[in-house]
Amino acid sequence: MTAVAPAGAWDHAWAHALGELEMNVAEAESMLAIDRVFEESARDPWTPPVNLGPLPAHLVERARSLLARQLTISHDLASVARDSRRHHQAVSHLQGTMPAPPVYFDAPA
């Protein structure tokens, strides 16, 4: 038989889990806003919590809003990655077709 946490602890655990996810989404949103997507994060990677039980009814709208933000940011990140690949391919193609740049050096007269 498993122990049931008090309602306050259950609500707090869910609020904390949603807060962690919100911080991760906000961090991704800010990286996209300043065009610095692939920088290392100082935060530890998110790990899913265990044994939270069902989502409390008063947190459902918060969770739905967070899910919508996650879906938007994942779409935006995929778009940025696609654009980056295309840019890399274009630059690689140009580098292969251009003559070598001139090299200058000082020589004694």
PDB file of N, CA and C in Angstrom:
ATOM      1  N   MET A   1       0.849  -1.177   0.000  1.00  0.00           N
ATOM      2  CA  MET A   1       0.000   0.000   0.000  1.00  0.00           C
ATOM      3  C   MET A   1       0.893   1.238   0.000  1.00  0.00           C
ATOM      4  N   THR A   2       0.566   2.229  -0.850  1.00  0.00           N
ATOM      5  CA  THR A   2       1.368   3.445  -0.936  1.00  0.00           C
ATOM      6  C   THR A   2       0.760   4.524  -0.063  1.00  0.00           C
ATOM      7  N   ALA A   3       1.625   5.342   0.491  1.00  0.00           N
ATOM      8  CA  ALA A   3       1.166   6.444   1.343  1.00  0.00           C
ATOM      9  C   ALA A   3       0.635   7.574   0.467  1.00  0.00           C
ATOM     10  N   VAL A   4      -0.418   8.194   0.896  1.00  0.00           N
ATOM     11  CA  VAL A   4      -1.012   9.318   0.174  1.00  0.00           C
ATOM     12  C   VAL A   4      -0.529  10.608   0.823  1.00  0.00           C
ATOM     13  N   ALA A   5       0.022  11.495  -0.013  1.00  0.00           N
ATOM     14  CA  ALA A   5       0.526  12.770   0.510  1.00  0.00           C
ATOM     15  C   ALA A   5      -0.647  13.673   0.835  1.00  0.00           C
ATOM     16  N   PRO A   6      -0.486  14.575   1.808  1.00  0.00           N
ATOM     17  CA  PRO A   6      -1.545  15.533   2.104  1.00  0.00           C
ATOM     18  C   PRO A   6      -1.817  16.411   0.883  1.00  0.00           C
ATOM     19  N   ALA A   7      -3.043  16.917   0.782  1.00  0.00           N
ATOM     20  CA  ALA A   7      -3.453  17.703  -0.383  1.00  0.00           C
ATOM     21  C   ALA A   7      -2.537  18.886  -0.623  1.00  0.00           C
ATOM     22  N   GLY A   8      -2.102  19.562   0.416  1.00  0.00           N
ATOM     23  CA  GLY A   8      -1.206  20.716   0.263  1.00  0.00           C
ATOM     24  C   GLY A   8       0.120  20.322  -0.357  1.00  0.00           C
ATOM     25  N   ALA A   9       0.683  19.181   0.049  1.00  0.00           N
ATOM     26  CA  ALA A   9       1.949  18.709  -0.511  1.00  0.00           C
ATOM     27  C   ALA A   9       1.769  18.312  -1.968  1.00  0.00           C
ATOM     28  N   TRP A  10       0.631  17.719  -2.287  1.00  0.00           N
ATOM     29  CA  TRP A  10       0.309  17.310  -3.658  1.00  0.00           C
ATOM     30  C   TRP A  10       0.229  18.539  -4.550  1.00  0.00           C
ATOM     31  N   ASP A  11      -0.500  19.569  -4.119  1.00  0.00           N
ATOM     32  CA  ASP A  11      -0.600  20.813  -4.884  1.00  0.00           C
ATOM     33  C   ASP A  11       0.769  21.467  -5.045  1.00  0.00           C
ATOM     34  N   HIS A  12       1.528  21.490  -3.951  1.00  0.00           N
ATOM     35  CA  HIS A  12       2.852  22.113  -4.005  1.00  0.00           C
ATOM     36  C   HIS A  12       3.768  21.373  -4.984  1.00  0.00           C
ATOM     37  N   ALA A  13       3.725  20.048  -4.989  1.00  0.00           N
ATOM     38  CA  ALA A  13       4.568  19.264  -5.894  1.00  0.00           C
ATOM     39  C   ALA A  13       4.224  19.563  -7.348  1.00  0.00           C
ATOM     40  N   TRP A  14       2.929  19.643  -7.655  1.00  0.00           N
ATOM     41  CA  TRP A  14       2.509  19.960  -9.023  1.00  0.00           C
ATOM     42  C   TRP A  14       2.885  21.393  -9.394  1.00  0.00           C
ATOM     43  N   ALA A  15       2.695  22.324  -8.495  1.00  0.00           N
ATOM     44  CA  ALA A  15       3.045  23.721  -8.769  1.00  0.00           C
ATOM     45  C   ALA A  15       4.548  23.842  -9.013  1.00  0.00           C
ATOM     46  N   HIS A  16       5.337  23.122  -8.248  1.00  0.00           N
ATOM     47  CA  HIS A  16       6.788  23.139  -8.427  1.00  0.00           C
ATOM     48  C   HIS A  16       7.177  22.537  -9.780  1.00  0.00           C
ATOM     49  N   ALA A  17       6.577  21.418 -10.146  1.00  0.00           N
ATOM     50  CA  ALA A  17       6.876  20.767 -11.429  1.00  0.00           C
ATOM     51  C   ALA A  17       6.524  21.690 -12.597  1.00  0.00           C
ATOM     52  N   LEU A  18       5.366  22.330 -12.523  1.00  0.00           N
ATOM     53  CA  LEU A  18       4.976  23.264 -13.591  1.00  0.00           C
ATOM     54  C   LEU A  18       5.908  24.475 -13.616  1.00  0.00           C
ATOM     55  N   GLY A  19       6.320  24.939 -12.453  1.00  0.00           N
ATOM     56  CA  GLY A  19       7.255  26.065 -12.379  1.00  0.00           C
ATOM     57  C   GLY A  19       8.587  25.751 -13.040  1.00  0.00           C
ATOM     58  N   GLU A  20       9.089  24.546 -12.834  1.00  0.00           N
ATOM     59  CA  GLU A  20      10.344  24.128 -13.473  1.00  0.00           C
ATOM     60  C   GLU A  20      10.190  24.133 -14.993  1.00  0.00           C
ATOM     61  N   LEU A  21       9.093  23.590 -15.474  1.00  0.00           N
ATOM     62  CA  LEU A  21       8.848  23.579 -16.922  1.00  0.00           C
ATOM     63  C   LEU A  21       8.708  24.993 -17.469  1.00  0.00           C
ATOM     64  N   GLU A  22       8.029  25.854 -16.733  1.00  0.00           N
ATOM     65  CA  GLU A  22       7.855  27.243 -17.173  1.00  0.00           C
ATOM     66  C   GLU A  22       9.203  27.954 -17.287  1.00  0.00           C
ATOM     67  N   MET A  23      10.111  27.685 -16.350  1.00  0.00           N
ATOM     68  CA  MET A  23      11.440  28.304 -16.425  1.00  0.00           C
ATOM     69  C   MET A  23      12.202  27.813 -17.656  1.00  0.00           C
ATOM     70  N   ASN A  24      12.094  26.520 -17.971  1.00  0.00           N
ATOM     71  CA  ASN A  24      12.764  25.989 -19.153  1.00  0.00           C
ATOM     72  C   ASN A  24      12.202  26.604 -20.429  1.00  0.00           C
ATOM     73  N   VAL A  25      10.893  26.744 -20.507  1.00  0.00           N
ATOM     74  CA  VAL A  25      10.275  27.344 -21.691  1.00  0.00           C
ATOM     75  C   VAL A  25      10.665  28.814 -21.800  1.00  0.00           C
ATOM     76  N   ALA A  26      10.657  29.523 -20.692  1.00  0.00           N
ATOM     77  CA  ALA A  26      11.039  30.938 -20.705  1.00  0.00           C
ATOM     78  C   ALA A  26      12.488  31.098 -21.157  1.00  0.00           C
ATOM     79  N   GLU A  27      13.354  30.202 -20.721  1.00  0.00           N
ATOM     80  CA  GLU A  27      14.754  30.254 -21.144  1.00  0.00           C
ATOM     81  C   GLU A  27      14.870  30.035 -22.651  1.00  0.00           C
ATOM     82  N   ALA A  28      14.141  29.063 -23.190  1.00  0.00           N
ATOM     83  CA  ALA A  28      14.168  28.818 -24.636  1.00  0.00           C
ATOM     84  C   ALA A  28      13.588  30.005 -25.401  1.00  0.00           C
ATOM     85  N   GLU A  29      12.519  30.587 -24.875  1.00  0.00           N
ATOM     86  CA  GLU A  29      11.922  31.762 -25.526  1.00  0.00           C
ATOM     87  C   GLU A  29      12.903  32.931 -25.555  1.00  0.00           C
ATOM     88  N   SER A  30      13.618  33.143 -24.460  1.00  0.00           N
ATOM     89  CA  SER A  30      14.559  34.264 -24.423  1.00  0.00           C
ATOM     90  C   SER A  30      15.751  34.008 -25.342  1.00  0.00           C
ATOM     91  N   MET A  31      16.204  32.758 -25.449  1.00  0.00           N
ATOM     92  CA  MET A  31      17.294  32.455 -26.372  1.00  0.00           C
ATOM     93  C   MET A  31      16.879  32.725 -27.818  1.00  0.00           C
ATOM     94  N   LEU A  32      15.664  32.366 -28.164  1.00  0.00           N
ATOM     95  CA  LEU A  32      15.178  32.646 -29.517  1.00  0.00           C
ATOM     96  C   LEU A  32      15.041  34.143 -29.737  1.00  0.00           C
ATOM     97  N   ALA A  33      14.609  34.867 -28.727  1.00  0.00           N
ATOM     98  CA  ALA A  33      14.392  36.307 -28.864  1.00  0.00           C
ATOM     99  C   ALA A  33      15.698  37.054 -29.119  1.00  0.00           C
ATOM    100  N   ILE A  34      16.805  36.566 -28.542  1.00  0.00           N
ATOM    101  CA  ILE A  34      18.088  37.244 -28.757  1.00  0.00           C
ATOM    102  C   ILE A  34      18.956  36.504 -29.758  1.00  0.00           C
ATOM    103  N   ASP A  35      18.381  35.499 -30.427  1.00  0.00           N
ATOM    104  CA  ASP A  35      19.061  34.762 -31.495  1.00  0.00           C
ATOM    105  C   ASP A  35      20.315  34.051 -30.996  1.00  0.00           C
ATOM    106  N   ARG A  36      20.238  33.428 -29.831  1.00  0.00           N
ATOM    107  CA  ARG A  36      21.356  32.681 -29.253  1.00  0.00           C
ATOM    108  C   ARG A  36      20.843  31.321 -28.807  1.00  0.00           C
ATOM    109  N   VAL A  37      20.407  30.512 -29.752  1.00  0.00           N
ATOM    110  CA  VAL A  37      19.692  29.281 -29.431  1.00  0.00           C
ATOM    111  C   VAL A  37      20.579  28.194 -28.834  1.00  0.00           C
ATOM    112  N   PHE A  38      21.802  28.056 -29.286  1.00  0.00           N
ATOM    113  CA  PHE A  38      22.565  26.871 -28.934  1.00  0.00           C
ATOM    114  C   PHE A  38      23.605  27.100 -27.847  1.00  0.00           C
ATOM    115  N   GLU A  39      23.403  28.102 -27.019  1.00  0.00           N
ATOM    116  CA  GLU A  39      24.308  28.301 -25.899  1.00  0.00           C
ATOM    117  C   GLU A  39      24.011  27.277 -24.810  1.00  0.00           C
ATOM    118  N   GLU A  40      25.040  26.947 -24.062  1.00  0.00           N
ATOM    119  CA  GLU A  40      24.866  26.025 -22.945  1.00  0.00           C
ATOM    120  C   GLU A  40      24.004  26.666 -21.865  1.00  0.00           C
ATOM    121  N   SER A  41      23.150  25.887 -21.275  1.00  0.00           N
ATOM    122  CA  SER A  41      22.308  26.370 -20.191  1.00  0.00           C
ATOM    123  C   SER A  41      23.010  26.130 -18.864  1.00  0.00           C
ATOM    124  N   ALA A  42      22.855  27.085 -17.962  1.00  0.00           N
ATOM    125  CA  ALA A  42      23.421  26.923 -16.624  1.00  0.00           C
ATOM    126  C   ALA A  42      22.533  26.018 -15.766  1.00  0.00           C
ATOM    127  N   ARG A  43      21.305  25.814 -16.226  1.00  0.00           N
ATOM    128  CA  ARG A  43      20.366  24.998 -15.474  1.00  0.00           C
ATOM    129  C   ARG A  43      20.608  23.512 -15.743  1.00  0.00           C
ATOM    130  N   ASP A  44      20.289  22.687 -14.757  1.00  0.00           N
ATOM    131  CA  ASP A  44      20.346  21.249 -14.952  1.00  0.00           C
ATOM    132  C   ASP A  44      19.224  20.836 -15.897  1.00  0.00           C
ATOM    133  N   PRO A  45      19.447  19.780 -16.670  1.00  0.00           N
ATOM    134  CA  PRO A  45      18.371  19.322 -17.553  1.00  0.00           C
ATOM    135  C   PRO A  45      17.137  18.927 -16.742  1.00  0.00           C
ATOM    136  N   TRP A  46      15.975  19.178 -17.314  1.00  0.00           N
ATOM    137  CA  TRP A  46      14.724  18.850 -16.633  1.00  0.00           C
ATOM    138  C   TRP A  46      14.534  17.347 -16.621  1.00  0.00           C
ATOM    139  N   THR A  47      14.120  16.830 -15.494  1.00  0.00           N
ATOM    140  CA  THR A  47      13.770  15.415 -15.400  1.00  0.00           C
ATOM    141  C   THR A  47      12.328  15.332 -14.924  1.00  0.00           C
ATOM    142  N   PRO A  48      11.558  14.451 -15.538  1.00  0.00           N
ATOM    143  CA  PRO A  48      10.154  14.360 -15.150  1.00  0.00           C
ATOM    144  C   PRO A  48      10.001  13.908 -13.706  1.00  0.00           C
ATOM    145  N   PRO A  49       9.123  14.559 -12.973  1.00  0.00           N
ATOM    146  CA  PRO A  49       8.879  14.132 -11.596  1.00  0.00           C
ATOM    147  C   PRO A  49       8.112  12.803 -11.577  1.00  0.00           C
ATOM    148  N   VAL A  50       8.199  12.128 -10.477  1.00  0.00           N
ATOM    149  CA  VAL A  50       7.495  10.847 -10.340  1.00  0.00           C
ATOM    150  C   VAL A  50       6.502  10.936  -9.185  1.00  0.00           C
ATOM    151  N   ASN A  51       5.483  10.114  -9.263  1.00  0.00           N
ATOM    152  CA  ASN A  51       4.491   9.973  -8.193  1.00  0.00           C
ATOM    153  C   ASN A  51       3.783  11.274  -7.833  1.00  0.00           C
ATOM    154  N   LEU A  52       3.437  12.068  -8.845  1.00  0.00           N
ATOM    155  CA  LEU A  52       2.708  13.309  -8.560  1.00  0.00           C
ATOM    156  C   LEU A  52       1.214  13.069  -8.372  1.00  0.00           C
ATOM    157  N   GLY A  53       0.714  12.016  -8.954  1.00  0.00           N
ATOM    158  CA  GLY A  53      -0.725  11.793  -8.915  1.00  0.00           C
ATOM    159  C   GLY A  53      -1.413  12.665  -9.950  1.00  0.00           C
ATOM    160  N   PRO A  54      -2.731  12.689  -9.934  1.00  0.00           N
ATOM    161  CA  PRO A  54      -3.457  13.477 -10.932  1.00  0.00           C
ATOM    162  C   PRO A  54      -3.256  14.980 -10.736  1.00  0.00           C
ATOM    163  N   LEU A  55      -3.332  15.700 -11.827  1.00  0.00           N
ATOM    164  CA  LEU A  55      -3.175  17.158 -11.801  1.00  0.00           C
ATOM    165  C   LEU A  55      -4.357  17.781 -11.063  1.00  0.00           C
ATOM    166  N   PRO A  56      -4.089  18.645 -10.069  1.00  0.00           N
ATOM    167  CA  PRO A  56      -5.187  19.322  -9.372  1.00  0.00           C
ATOM    168  C   PRO A  56      -5.986  20.197 -10.352  1.00  0.00           C
ATOM    169  N   ALA A  57      -7.271  20.249 -10.174  1.00  0.00           N
ATOM    170  CA  ALA A  57      -8.163  20.975 -11.095  1.00  0.00           C
ATOM    171  C   ALA A  57      -7.787  22.441 -11.237  1.00  0.00           C
ATOM    172  N   HIS A  58      -7.354  23.082 -10.160  1.00  0.00           N
ATOM    173  CA  HIS A  58      -7.044  24.512 -10.244  1.00  0.00           C
ATOM    174  C   HIS A  58      -5.749  24.793 -11.016  1.00  0.00           C
ATOM    175  N   LEU A  59      -4.975  23.745 -11.351  1.00  0.00           N
ATOM    176  CA  LEU A  59      -3.747  23.927 -12.127  1.00  0.00           C
ATOM    177  C   LEU A  59      -3.906  23.526 -13.596  1.00  0.00           C
ATOM    178  N   VAL A  60      -5.091  23.085 -13.979  1.00  0.00           N
ATOM    179  CA  VAL A  60      -5.312  22.606 -15.348  1.00  0.00           C
ATOM    180  C   VAL A  60      -5.068  23.709 -16.374  1.00  0.00           C
ATOM    181  N   GLU A  61      -5.591  24.893 -16.149  1.00  0.00           N
ATOM    182  CA  GLU A  61      -5.415  25.977 -17.125  1.00  0.00           C
ATOM    183  C   GLU A  61      -3.942  26.372 -17.233  1.00  0.00           C
ATOM    184  N   ARG A  62      -3.239  26.394 -16.120  1.00  0.00           N
ATOM    185  CA  ARG A  62      -1.797  26.699 -16.135  1.00  0.00           C
ATOM    186  C   ARG A  62      -1.047  25.655 -16.959  1.00  0.00           C
ATOM    187  N   ALA A  63      -1.397  24.394 -16.780  1.00  0.00           N
ATOM    188  CA  ALA A  63      -0.751  23.313 -17.527  1.00  0.00           C
ATOM    189  C   ALA A  63      -1.068  23.416 -19.023  1.00  0.00           C
ATOM    190  N   ARG A  64      -2.304  23.756 -19.363  1.00  0.00           N
ATOM    191  CA  ARG A  64      -2.678  23.911 -20.783  1.00  0.00           C
ATOM    192  C   ARG A  64      -1.911  25.060 -21.427  1.00  0.00           C
ATOM    193  N   SER A  65      -1.807  26.166 -20.713  1.00  0.00           N
ATOM    194  CA  SER A  65      -1.066  27.317 -21.219  1.00  0.00           C
ATOM    195  C   SER A  65       0.409  26.962 -21.427  1.00  0.00           C
ATOM    196  N   LEU A  66       0.975  26.246 -20.484  1.00  0.00           N
ATOM    197  CA  LEU A  66       2.363  25.812 -20.596  1.00  0.00           C
ATOM    198  C   LEU A  66       2.552  24.881 -21.789  1.00  0.00           C
ATOM    199  N   LEU A  67       1.634  23.960 -21.983  1.00  0.00           N
ATOM    200  CA  LEU A  67       1.704  23.052 -23.123  1.00  0.00           C
ATOM    201  C   LEU A  67       1.675  23.832 -24.443  1.00  0.00           C
ATOM    202  N   ALA A  68       0.814  24.830 -24.540  1.00  0.00           N
ATOM    203  CA  ALA A  68       0.743  25.650 -25.753  1.00  0.00           C
ATOM    204  C   ALA A  68       2.075  26.362 -25.991  1.00  0.00           C
ATOM    205  N   ARG A  69       2.677  26.895 -24.940  1.00  0.00           N
ATOM    206  CA  ARG A  69       3.987  27.555 -25.081  1.00  0.00           C
ATOM    207  C   ARG A  69       5.052  26.559 -25.501  1.00  0.00           C
ATOM    208  N   GLN A  70       5.022  25.346 -24.940  1.00  0.00           N
ATOM    209  CA  GLN A  70       5.998  24.320 -25.315  1.00  0.00           C
ATOM    210  C   GLN A  70       5.859  23.947 -26.787  1.00  0.00           C
ATOM    211  N   LEU A  71       4.637  23.787 -27.249  1.00  0.00           N
ATOM    212  CA  LEU A  71       4.419  23.440 -28.652  1.00  0.00           C
ATOM    213  C   LEU A  71       4.892  24.555 -29.579  1.00  0.00           C
ATOM    214  N   THR A  72       4.628  25.802 -29.197  1.00  0.00           N
ATOM    215  CA  THR A  72       5.075  26.941 -30.002  1.00  0.00           C
ATOM    216  C   THR A  72       6.588  27.001 -30.057  1.00  0.00           C
ATOM    217  N   ILE A  73       7.243  26.863 -28.914  1.00  0.00           N
ATOM    218  CA  ILE A  73       8.699  26.969 -28.882  1.00  0.00           C
ATOM    219  C   ILE A  73       9.344  25.794 -29.599  1.00  0.00           C
ATOM    220  N   SER A  74       8.757  24.611 -29.534  1.00  0.00           N
ATOM    221  CA  SER A  74       9.339  23.471 -30.253  1.00  0.00           C
ATOM    222  C   SER A  74       9.228  23.686 -31.759  1.00  0.00           C
ATOM    223  N   HIS A  75       8.118  24.260 -32.219  1.00  0.00           N
ATOM    224  CA  HIS A  75       7.962  24.587 -33.636  1.00  0.00           C
ATOM    225  C   HIS A  75       8.993  25.642 -34.044  1.00  0.00           C
ATOM    226  N   ASP A  76       9.158  26.673 -33.222  1.00  0.00           N
ATOM    227  CA  ASP A  76      10.116  27.740 -33.520  1.00  0.00           C
ATOM    228  C   ASP A  76      11.553  27.214 -33.541  1.00  0.00           C
ATOM    229  N   LEU A  77      11.895  26.342 -32.604  1.00  0.00           N
ATOM    230  CA  LEU A  77      13.239  25.773 -32.576  1.00  0.00           C
ATOM    231  C   LEU A  77      13.492  24.897 -33.802  1.00  0.00           C
ATOM    232  N   ALA A  78      12.496  24.131 -34.211  1.00  0.00           N
ATOM    233  CA  ALA A  78      12.642  23.315 -35.422  1.00  0.00           C
ATOM    234  C   ALA A  78      12.855  24.202 -36.644  1.00  0.00           C
ATOM    235  N   SER A  79      12.148  25.315 -36.702  1.00  0.00           N
ATOM    236  CA  SER A  79      12.295  26.249 -37.814  1.00  0.00           C
ATOM    237  C   SER A  79      13.696  26.862 -37.834  1.00  0.00           C
ATOM    238  N   VAL A  80      14.193  27.250 -36.670  1.00  0.00           N
ATOM    239  CA  VAL A  80      15.540  27.820 -36.577  1.00  0.00           C
ATOM    240  C   VAL A  80      16.584  26.781 -36.991  1.00  0.00           C
ATOM    241  N   ALA A  81      16.412  25.539 -36.570  1.00  0.00           N
ATOM    242  CA  ALA A  81      17.353  24.483 -36.943  1.00  0.00           C
ATOM    243  C   ALA A  81      17.330  24.254 -38.453  1.00  0.00           C
ATOM    244  N   ARG A  82      16.156  24.254 -39.043  1.00  0.00           N
ATOM    245  CA  ARG A  82      16.023  24.079 -40.494  1.00  0.00           C
ATOM    246  C   ARG A  82      16.711  25.226 -41.235  1.00  0.00           C
ATOM    247  N   ASP A  83      16.488  26.462 -40.780  1.00  0.00           N
ATOM    248  CA  ASP A  83      17.133  27.624 -41.401  1.00  0.00           C
ATOM    249  C   ASP A  83      18.654  27.550 -41.256  1.00  0.00           C
ATOM    250  N   SER A  84      19.120  27.090 -40.122  1.00  0.00           N
ATOM    251  CA  SER A  84      20.558  26.971 -39.888  1.00  0.00           C
ATOM    252  C   SER A  84      21.176  25.950 -40.844  1.00  0.00           C
ATOM    253  N   ARG A  85      20.504  24.808 -41.036  1.00  0.00           N
ATOM    254  CA  ARG A  85      21.000  23.800 -41.974  1.00  0.00           C
ATOM    255  C   ARG A  85      21.058  24.364 -43.393  1.00  0.00           C
ATOM    256  N   ARG A  86      20.021  25.088 -43.801  1.00  0.00           N
ATOM    257  CA  ARG A  86      20.010  25.682 -45.140  1.00  0.00           C
ATOM    258  C   ARG A  86      21.135  26.699 -45.302  1.00  0.00           C
ATOM    259  N   HIS A  87      21.353  27.514 -44.292  1.00  0.00           N
ATOM    260  CA  HIS A  87      22.434  28.492 -44.338  1.00  0.00           C
ATOM    261  C   HIS A  87      23.786  27.795 -44.445  1.00  0.00           C
ATOM    262  N   HIS A  88      23.973  26.759 -43.662  1.00  0.00           N
ATOM    263  CA  HIS A  88      25.226  26.004 -43.705  1.00  0.00           C
ATOM    264  C   HIS A  88      25.442  25.395 -45.089  1.00  0.00           C
ATOM    265  N   GLN A  89      24.396  24.835 -45.683  1.00  0.00           N
ATOM    266  CA  GLN A  89      24.515  24.256 -47.020  1.00  0.00           C
ATOM    267  C   GLN A  89      24.866  25.321 -48.052  1.00  0.00           C
ATOM    268  N   ALA A  90      24.247  26.496 -47.964  1.00  0.00           N
ATOM    269  CA  ALA A  90      24.533  27.575 -48.909  1.00  0.00           C
ATOM    270  C   ALA A  90      25.978  28.045 -48.774  1.00  0.00           C
ATOM    271  N   VAL A  91      26.443  28.225 -47.558  1.00  0.00           N
ATOM    272  CA  VAL A  91      27.821  28.677 -47.332  1.00  0.00           C
ATOM    273  C   VAL A  91      28.800  27.611 -47.817  1.00  0.00           C
ATOM    274  N   SER A  92      28.519  26.352 -47.546  1.00  0.00           N
ATOM    275  CA  SER A  92      29.400  25.267 -47.997  1.00  0.00           C
ATOM    276  C   SER A  92      29.495  25.246 -49.514  1.00  0.00           C
ATOM    277  N   HIS A  93      28.374  25.460 -50.180  1.00  0.00           N
ATOM    278  CA  HIS A  93      28.362  25.483 -51.650  1.00  0.00           C
ATOM    279  C   HIS A  93      29.197  26.654 -52.165  1.00  0.00           C
ATOM    280  N   LEU A  94      29.037  27.829 -51.557  1.00  0.00           N
ATOM    281  CA  LEU A  94      29.799  29.001 -51.988  1.00  0.00           C
ATOM    282  C   LEU A  94      31.301  28.806 -51.759  1.00  0.00           C
ATOM    283  N   GLN A  95      31.662  28.212 -50.658  1.00  0.00           N
ATOM    284  CA  GLN A  95      33.080  28.003 -50.371  1.00  0.00           C
ATOM    285  C   GLN A  95      33.714  27.064 -51.386  1.00  0.00           C
ATOM    286  N   GLY A  96      32.948  26.125 -51.905  1.00  0.00           N
ATOM    287  CA  GLY A  96      33.477  25.182 -52.881  1.00  0.00           C
ATOM    288  C   GLY A  96      33.615  25.773 -54.274  1.00  0.00           C
ATOM    289  N   THR A  97      32.921  26.872 -54.574  1.00  0.00           N
ATOM    290  CA  THR A  97      32.945  27.444 -55.919  1.00  0.00           C
ATOM    291  C   THR A  97      33.785  28.707 -56.019  1.00  0.00           C
ATOM    292  N   MET A  98      34.211  29.260 -54.928  1.00  0.00           N
ATOM    293  CA  MET A  98      34.968  30.512 -54.957  1.00  0.00           C
ATOM    294  C   MET A  98      36.463  30.213 -55.001  1.00  0.00           C
ATOM    295  N   PRO A  99      37.245  31.076 -55.697  1.00  0.00           N
ATOM    296  CA  PRO A  99      38.693  30.878 -55.686  1.00  0.00           C
ATOM    297  C   PRO A  99      39.250  31.162 -54.293  1.00  0.00           C
ATOM    298  N   ALA A 100      40.406  30.633 -54.051  1.00  0.00           N
ATOM    299  CA  ALA A 100      41.044  30.856 -52.756  1.00  0.00           C
ATOM    300  C   ALA A 100      41.290  32.348 -52.568  1.00  0.00           C
ATOM    301  N   PRO A 101      41.101  32.852 -51.367  1.00  0.00           N
ATOM    302  CA  PRO A 101      41.339  34.288 -51.136  1.00  0.00           C
ATOM    303  C   PRO A 101      42.829  34.601 -51.257  1.00  0.00           C
ATOM    304  N   PRO A 102      43.156  35.845 -51.651  1.00  0.00           N
ATOM    305  CA  PRO A 102      44.574  36.194 -51.748  1.00  0.00           C
ATOM    306  C   PRO A 102      45.225  36.208 -50.360  1.00  0.00           C
ATOM    307  N   VAL A 103      46.504  35.907 -50.343  1.00  0.00           N
ATOM    308  CA  VAL A 103      47.264  35.899 -49.110  1.00  0.00           C
ATOM    309  C   VAL A 103      48.327  36.984 -49.212  1.00  0.00           C
ATOM    310  N   TYR A 104      48.415  37.831 -48.220  1.00  0.00           N
ATOM    311  CA  TYR A 104      49.399  38.901 -48.193  1.00  0.00           C
ATOM    312  C   TYR A 104      50.389  38.648 -47.073  1.00  0.00           C
ATOM    313  N   PHE A 105      51.621  38.989 -47.311  1.00  0.00           N
ATOM    314  CA  PHE A 105      52.622  38.875 -46.268  1.00  0.00           C
ATOM    315  C   PHE A 105      53.664  39.954 -46.490  1.00  0.00           C
ATOM    316  N   ASP A 106      54.345  40.317 -45.413  1.00  0.00           N
ATOM    317  CA  ASP A 106      55.415  41.317 -45.491  1.00  0.00           C
ATOM    318  C   ASP A 106      56.693  40.636 -45.953  1.00  0.00           C
ATOM    319  N   ALA A 107      57.348  41.247 -46.903  1.00  0.00           N
ATOM    320  CA  ALA A 107      58.640  40.722 -47.367  1.00  0.00           C
ATOM    321  C   ALA A 107      59.650  41.863 -47.317  1.00  0.00           C
ATOM    322  N   PRO A 108      60.853  41.563 -46.884  1.00  0.00           N
ATOM    323  CA  PRO A 108      61.858  42.627 -46.852  1.00  0.00           C
ATOM    324  C   PRO A 108      62.154  43.098 -48.268  1.00  0.00           C
ATOM    325  N   ALA A 109      62.372  44.406 -48.401  1.00  0.00           N
ATOM    326  CA  ALA A 109      62.625  44.982 -49.729  1.00  0.00           C
ATOM    327  C   ALA A 109      64.037  44.790 -50.170  1.00  0.00           C
TER     328      ALA A 109
END
